Every structure is written in structure tokens, then in C-alpha cells.
Amino acid sequence: MDAWEGAEAIWIVDAVSSSARAGAVHRLDASDRELPGRLFGSSTHHFGLADAVEIARALGRLPRRTIVFGVEGASFAAGEKLTPDVAAAASEVADLVRREVVECTSRR
């Protein structure tokens, strides 16, 4: 939450696991609604991304525009490398985020 302090808009990218095909891309607008727990329910951290977003919302620290991209992982075992499908999706998401940031900043 400290990383986005004072920001008007943020884009967050995370790995997700929902039984969709590996490399599937999910785009969610968390600005005014909760993230689905089925996508962001598990984490290697003490709490997951959905928890962090909801805590920020409750504290009034969630930026007005909060966009989350989830890339469906193939394997979450320690030391696993990205599969070609997941690597391609990560590249696609980077392009999508870049376009959205440019569009957002050009509206100012």
C-alpha cells in the first residue's frame, strides 16, 4: 500500500490460479468492487492481493482507479520457470498496461 500512496491510478499484475488455461489473462477493475477470491485466494505471502486491496479500500488508501491484471499460471512449484504460454501472456499484459497508462496520462 505504501508503494501506491498518493497515486490517482495504479495497475497491478499478479499470478492467478482459477483452473483457466495457463496463460489466460484476466483484467479486473477493483476501483469500486472486490476482486474475486477465486482468482487471488492463495498466496505465498501472509495475505493475498485481494486482501491487500480490500484493506486499502477500508482504510481509504485505494487509488481512485485500481486495475488488476491476473496471468493464469501453469505451475506454482518453487523454482519452476515460466511456460511459453505464461511468458507470452506476461508480455501481452506488459503491452496492455503500457497502453492503459499512456491513455490515462494523456487524459490529464
N, C-alpha and C. Protein backbone atom coordinates (compact mmCIF):
# COMPACT_ATOMS: atom_id res chain seq x y z
N MET A 1 0.82 -1.19 0.00
CA MET A 1 0.00 0.00 0.00
C MET A 1 0.86 1.26 0.00
N ASP A 2 1.99 1.20 0.65
CA ASP A 2 2.86 2.37 0.68
C ASP A 2 3.34 2.74 -0.73
N ALA A 3 3.52 1.74 -1.58
CA ALA A 3 4.02 1.99 -2.94
C ALA A 3 3.04 2.82 -3.76
N TRP A 4 1.77 2.73 -3.48
CA TRP A 4 0.80 3.49 -4.27
C TRP A 4 0.23 4.69 -3.51
N GLU A 5 0.81 5.03 -2.39
CA GLU A 5 0.38 6.20 -1.61
C GLU A 5 0.37 7.45 -2.47
N GLY A 6 -0.75 8.14 -2.52
CA GLY A 6 -0.88 9.38 -3.26
C GLY A 6 -1.14 9.22 -4.75
N ALA A 7 -1.14 7.99 -5.25
CA ALA A 7 -1.38 7.78 -6.68
C ALA A 7 -2.87 7.91 -7.00
N GLU A 8 -3.16 8.45 -8.18
CA GLU A 8 -4.54 8.53 -8.65
C GLU A 8 -4.96 7.24 -9.32
N ALA A 9 -3.99 6.56 -9.94
CA ALA A 9 -4.28 5.32 -10.67
C ALA A 9 -3.13 4.35 -10.48
N ILE A 10 -3.46 3.07 -10.38
CA ILE A 10 -2.44 2.03 -10.30
C ILE A 10 -2.85 0.84 -11.15
N TRP A 11 -1.85 0.12 -11.62
CA TRP A 11 -2.04 -1.13 -12.33
C TRP A 11 -1.21 -2.16 -11.59
N ILE A 12 -1.83 -3.26 -11.25
CA ILE A 12 -1.17 -4.33 -10.51
C ILE A 12 -1.23 -5.59 -11.37
N VAL A 13 -0.14 -6.33 -11.43
CA VAL A 13 -0.09 -7.59 -12.17
C VAL A 13 0.32 -8.67 -11.19
N ASP A 14 -0.42 -9.80 -11.22
CA ASP A 14 -0.12 -10.90 -10.31
C ASP A 14 -0.42 -12.22 -11.01
N ALA A 15 0.17 -13.27 -10.51
CA ALA A 15 -0.15 -14.61 -10.98
C ALA A 15 -1.45 -15.05 -10.32
N VAL A 16 -2.26 -15.81 -11.06
CA VAL A 16 -3.52 -16.29 -10.52
C VAL A 16 -3.69 -17.77 -10.83
N SER A 17 -4.60 -18.38 -10.09
CA SER A 17 -4.90 -19.80 -10.29
C SER A 17 -6.40 -19.99 -10.15
N SER A 18 -7.07 -20.19 -11.28
CA SER A 18 -8.53 -20.35 -11.26
C SER A 18 -9.01 -21.54 -12.07
N SER A 19 -8.11 -22.39 -12.50
CA SER A 19 -8.41 -23.53 -13.36
C SER A 19 -8.61 -23.14 -14.81
N ALA A 20 -8.37 -21.88 -15.16
CA ALA A 20 -8.39 -21.48 -16.58
C ALA A 20 -7.10 -22.00 -17.21
N ARG A 21 -7.01 -21.91 -18.51
CA ARG A 21 -5.81 -22.41 -19.20
C ARG A 21 -4.60 -21.55 -18.81
N ALA A 22 -3.45 -22.17 -18.74
CA ALA A 22 -2.22 -21.44 -18.43
C ALA A 22 -2.00 -20.35 -19.46
N GLY A 23 -1.71 -19.15 -18.98
CA GLY A 23 -1.50 -18.02 -19.87
C GLY A 23 -2.74 -17.17 -20.08
N ALA A 24 -3.88 -17.61 -19.56
CA ALA A 24 -5.10 -16.79 -19.68
C ALA A 24 -4.88 -15.48 -18.94
N VAL A 25 -5.39 -14.40 -19.50
CA VAL A 25 -5.25 -13.07 -18.91
C VAL A 25 -6.60 -12.61 -18.39
N HIS A 26 -6.61 -12.15 -17.15
CA HIS A 26 -7.82 -11.62 -16.53
C HIS A 26 -7.57 -10.14 -16.25
N ARG A 27 -8.50 -9.28 -16.64
CA ARG A 27 -8.40 -7.85 -16.33
C ARG A 27 -9.58 -7.48 -15.45
N LEU A 28 -9.29 -6.91 -14.30
CA LEU A 28 -10.36 -6.56 -13.36
C LEU A 28 -10.20 -5.12 -12.90
N ASP A 29 -11.30 -4.44 -12.81
CA ASP A 29 -11.30 -3.08 -12.28
C ASP A 29 -11.71 -3.18 -10.82
N ALA A 30 -10.75 -2.99 -9.93
CA ALA A 30 -11.02 -3.10 -8.48
C ALA A 30 -11.34 -1.74 -7.87
N SER A 31 -11.55 -0.74 -8.71
CA SER A 31 -11.81 0.61 -8.22
C SER A 31 -13.04 0.68 -7.32
N ASP A 32 -14.08 -0.04 -7.69
CA ASP A 32 -15.32 0.06 -6.91
C ASP A 32 -15.96 -1.28 -6.59
N ARG A 33 -15.20 -2.37 -6.78
CA ARG A 33 -15.73 -3.69 -6.40
C ARG A 33 -14.59 -4.62 -6.00
N GLU A 34 -14.94 -5.58 -5.17
CA GLU A 34 -13.94 -6.53 -4.67
C GLU A 34 -13.37 -7.40 -5.78
N LEU A 35 -12.13 -7.81 -5.60
CA LEU A 35 -11.53 -8.79 -6.50
C LEU A 35 -12.10 -10.17 -6.16
N PRO A 36 -12.36 -10.99 -7.15
CA PRO A 36 -12.88 -12.33 -6.85
C PRO A 36 -11.85 -13.19 -6.13
N GLY A 37 -12.24 -13.71 -4.99
CA GLY A 37 -11.33 -14.54 -4.19
C GLY A 37 -10.86 -15.77 -4.92
N ARG A 38 -11.66 -16.27 -5.86
CA ARG A 38 -11.27 -17.49 -6.59
C ARG A 38 -10.01 -17.28 -7.42
N LEU A 39 -9.73 -16.04 -7.81
CA LEU A 39 -8.52 -15.76 -8.59
C LEU A 39 -7.31 -15.49 -7.70
N PHE A 40 -7.52 -14.74 -6.64
CA PHE A 40 -6.41 -14.25 -5.83
C PHE A 40 -6.43 -14.82 -4.41
N GLY A 41 -7.06 -15.96 -4.23
CA GLY A 41 -7.22 -16.53 -2.90
C GLY A 41 -5.96 -17.09 -2.27
N SER A 42 -5.08 -17.65 -3.08
CA SER A 42 -3.88 -18.25 -2.49
C SER A 42 -2.68 -17.35 -2.75
N SER A 43 -1.74 -17.42 -1.83
CA SER A 43 -0.55 -16.58 -1.94
C SER A 43 0.58 -17.21 -1.15
N THR A 44 1.80 -16.89 -1.53
CA THR A 44 2.96 -17.33 -0.75
C THR A 44 3.26 -16.32 0.35
N HIS A 45 2.49 -15.25 0.39
CA HIS A 45 2.66 -14.21 1.40
C HIS A 45 1.66 -14.47 2.54
N HIS A 46 1.70 -13.66 3.57
CA HIS A 46 0.77 -13.84 4.68
C HIS A 46 -0.67 -13.60 4.27
N PHE A 47 -0.87 -12.68 3.36
CA PHE A 47 -2.20 -12.49 2.79
C PHE A 47 -2.04 -12.13 1.32
N GLY A 48 -3.10 -12.35 0.57
CA GLY A 48 -3.02 -12.20 -0.87
C GLY A 48 -3.33 -10.80 -1.37
N LEU A 49 -3.27 -10.65 -2.67
CA LEU A 49 -3.52 -9.38 -3.31
C LEU A 49 -4.93 -8.86 -3.03
N ALA A 50 -5.92 -9.74 -3.12
CA ALA A 50 -7.30 -9.31 -2.85
C ALA A 50 -7.43 -8.75 -1.44
N ASP A 51 -6.75 -9.38 -0.49
CA ASP A 51 -6.77 -8.88 0.90
C ASP A 51 -6.14 -7.49 0.98
N ALA A 52 -5.00 -7.31 0.32
CA ALA A 52 -4.31 -6.02 0.37
C ALA A 52 -5.17 -4.91 -0.25
N VAL A 53 -5.84 -5.22 -1.36
CA VAL A 53 -6.71 -4.23 -2.00
C VAL A 53 -7.88 -3.88 -1.08
N GLU A 54 -8.47 -4.88 -0.45
CA GLU A 54 -9.62 -4.60 0.42
C GLU A 54 -9.22 -3.86 1.70
N ILE A 55 -8.05 -4.14 2.23
CA ILE A 55 -7.56 -3.40 3.39
C ILE A 55 -7.34 -1.93 2.99
N ALA A 56 -6.73 -1.72 1.82
CA ALA A 56 -6.51 -0.36 1.34
C ALA A 56 -7.85 0.37 1.14
N ARG A 57 -8.83 -0.35 0.61
CA ARG A 57 -10.15 0.26 0.41
C ARG A 57 -10.76 0.67 1.75
N ALA A 58 -10.69 -0.23 2.73
CA ALA A 58 -11.26 0.03 4.05
C ALA A 58 -10.56 1.20 4.74
N LEU A 59 -9.28 1.38 4.49
CA LEU A 59 -8.52 2.46 5.10
C LEU A 59 -8.58 3.76 4.30
N GLY A 60 -9.30 3.74 3.18
CA GLY A 60 -9.38 4.92 2.33
C GLY A 60 -8.08 5.21 1.60
N ARG A 61 -7.27 4.17 1.37
CA ARG A 61 -5.96 4.33 0.73
C ARG A 61 -5.89 3.70 -0.65
N LEU A 62 -7.03 3.26 -1.18
CA LEU A 62 -7.04 2.65 -2.51
C LEU A 62 -7.16 3.76 -3.55
N PRO A 63 -6.25 3.81 -4.52
CA PRO A 63 -6.35 4.85 -5.55
C PRO A 63 -7.70 4.79 -6.26
N ARG A 64 -8.13 5.95 -6.74
CA ARG A 64 -9.43 6.08 -7.40
C ARG A 64 -9.57 5.08 -8.55
N ARG A 65 -8.50 4.87 -9.31
CA ARG A 65 -8.51 3.89 -10.40
C ARG A 65 -7.52 2.78 -10.04
N THR A 66 -8.03 1.58 -9.85
CA THR A 66 -7.19 0.43 -9.50
C THR A 66 -7.52 -0.71 -10.46
N ILE A 67 -6.59 -0.99 -11.36
CA ILE A 67 -6.77 -2.04 -12.36
C ILE A 67 -5.83 -3.18 -12.02
N VAL A 68 -6.36 -4.39 -12.06
CA VAL A 68 -5.57 -5.58 -11.73
C VAL A 68 -5.60 -6.54 -12.92
N PHE A 69 -4.42 -6.95 -13.33
CA PHE A 69 -4.29 -8.00 -14.34
C PHE A 69 -3.80 -9.26 -13.65
N GLY A 70 -4.45 -10.37 -13.93
CA GLY A 70 -4.01 -11.67 -13.43
C GLY A 70 -3.59 -12.53 -14.60
N VAL A 71 -2.44 -13.15 -14.49
CA VAL A 71 -1.97 -14.09 -15.51
C VAL A 71 -2.07 -15.48 -14.91
N GLU A 72 -2.81 -16.32 -15.58
CA GLU A 72 -3.03 -17.69 -15.11
C GLU A 72 -1.72 -18.47 -15.21
N GLY A 73 -1.27 -18.98 -14.06
CA GLY A 73 -0.03 -19.74 -14.02
C GLY A 73 -0.22 -21.19 -14.43
N ALA A 74 0.89 -21.84 -14.78
CA ALA A 74 0.86 -23.26 -15.14
C ALA A 74 1.23 -24.11 -13.94
N SER A 75 2.27 -23.69 -13.21
CA SER A 75 2.74 -24.41 -12.05
C SER A 75 3.25 -23.40 -11.03
N PHE A 76 2.96 -23.67 -9.78
CA PHE A 76 3.38 -22.75 -8.72
C PHE A 76 4.42 -23.38 -7.81
N ALA A 77 5.06 -24.44 -8.28
CA ALA A 77 6.11 -25.09 -7.50
C ALA A 77 7.35 -24.19 -7.47
N ALA A 78 8.05 -24.21 -6.36
CA ALA A 78 9.26 -23.40 -6.22
C ALA A 78 10.27 -23.77 -7.29
N GLY A 79 10.85 -22.76 -7.91
CA GLY A 79 11.90 -22.98 -8.89
C GLY A 79 11.43 -23.25 -10.31
N GLU A 80 10.13 -23.31 -10.52
CA GLU A 80 9.60 -23.56 -11.86
C GLU A 80 9.81 -22.35 -12.75
N LYS A 81 10.14 -22.58 -14.00
CA LYS A 81 10.30 -21.49 -14.96
C LYS A 81 8.95 -21.22 -15.64
N LEU A 82 8.84 -20.06 -16.26
CA LEU A 82 7.62 -19.72 -16.98
C LEU A 82 7.47 -20.64 -18.19
N THR A 83 6.26 -21.10 -18.41
CA THR A 83 5.98 -21.85 -19.63
C THR A 83 5.87 -20.86 -20.78
N PRO A 84 6.00 -21.31 -22.01
CA PRO A 84 5.86 -20.38 -23.14
C PRO A 84 4.52 -19.63 -23.15
N ASP A 85 3.43 -20.30 -22.79
CA ASP A 85 2.12 -19.64 -22.76
C ASP A 85 2.07 -18.53 -21.70
N VAL A 86 2.64 -18.80 -20.56
CA VAL A 86 2.63 -17.81 -19.48
C VAL A 86 3.58 -16.66 -19.83
N ALA A 87 4.72 -16.94 -20.41
CA ALA A 87 5.66 -15.89 -20.82
C ALA A 87 5.02 -14.98 -21.87
N ALA A 88 4.31 -15.58 -22.82
CA ALA A 88 3.62 -14.78 -23.85
C ALA A 88 2.54 -13.91 -23.21
N ALA A 89 1.82 -14.45 -22.25
CA ALA A 89 0.77 -13.68 -21.57
C ALA A 89 1.38 -12.53 -20.77
N ALA A 90 2.51 -12.77 -20.14
CA ALA A 90 3.19 -11.70 -19.38
C ALA A 90 3.59 -10.56 -20.32
N SER A 91 4.07 -10.89 -21.49
CA SER A 91 4.44 -9.88 -22.48
C SER A 91 3.20 -9.12 -22.96
N GLU A 92 2.11 -9.84 -23.18
CA GLU A 92 0.85 -9.22 -23.59
C GLU A 92 0.35 -8.25 -22.52
N VAL A 93 0.41 -8.68 -21.27
CA VAL A 93 -0.05 -7.82 -20.17
C VAL A 93 0.83 -6.57 -20.06
N ALA A 94 2.12 -6.71 -20.25
CA ALA A 94 3.00 -5.54 -20.22
C ALA A 94 2.58 -4.53 -21.28
N ASP A 95 2.24 -5.01 -22.47
CA ASP A 95 1.78 -4.12 -23.54
C ASP A 95 0.44 -3.48 -23.18
N LEU A 96 -0.48 -4.25 -22.62
CA LEU A 96 -1.78 -3.72 -22.22
C LEU A 96 -1.64 -2.64 -21.16
N VAL A 97 -0.82 -2.90 -20.16
CA VAL A 97 -0.61 -1.93 -19.09
C VAL A 97 0.01 -0.66 -19.67
N ARG A 98 1.00 -0.82 -20.51
CA ARG A 98 1.66 0.34 -21.12
C ARG A 98 0.63 1.20 -21.86
N ARG A 99 -0.23 0.57 -22.66
CA ARG A 99 -1.26 1.32 -23.41
C ARG A 99 -2.23 2.03 -22.48
N GLU A 100 -2.66 1.34 -21.43
CA GLU A 100 -3.61 1.95 -20.50
C GLU A 100 -2.99 3.13 -19.74
N VAL A 101 -1.73 3.00 -19.36
CA VAL A 101 -1.06 4.10 -18.66
C VAL A 101 -0.94 5.31 -19.60
N VAL A 102 -0.56 5.08 -20.83
CA VAL A 102 -0.46 6.19 -21.80
C VAL A 102 -1.83 6.84 -21.98
N GLU A 103 -2.86 6.03 -22.15
CA GLU A 103 -4.22 6.56 -22.32
C GLU A 103 -4.64 7.37 -21.09
N CYS A 104 -4.36 6.87 -19.93
CA CYS A 104 -4.74 7.54 -18.68
C CYS A 104 -4.01 8.86 -18.53
N THR A 105 -2.72 8.87 -18.81
CA THR A 105 -1.94 10.09 -18.62
C THR A 105 -2.23 11.12 -19.71
N SER A 106 -2.69 10.69 -20.87
CA SER A 106 -3.00 11.65 -21.93
C SER A 106 -4.32 12.37 -21.69
N ARG A 107 -5.15 11.86 -20.78
CA ARG A 107 -6.43 12.49 -20.44
C ARG A 107 -6.26 13.67 -19.49
N ARG A 108 -5.12 13.79 -18.88
CA ARG A 108 -4.90 14.84 -17.87
C ARG A 108 -4.94 16.21 -18.45
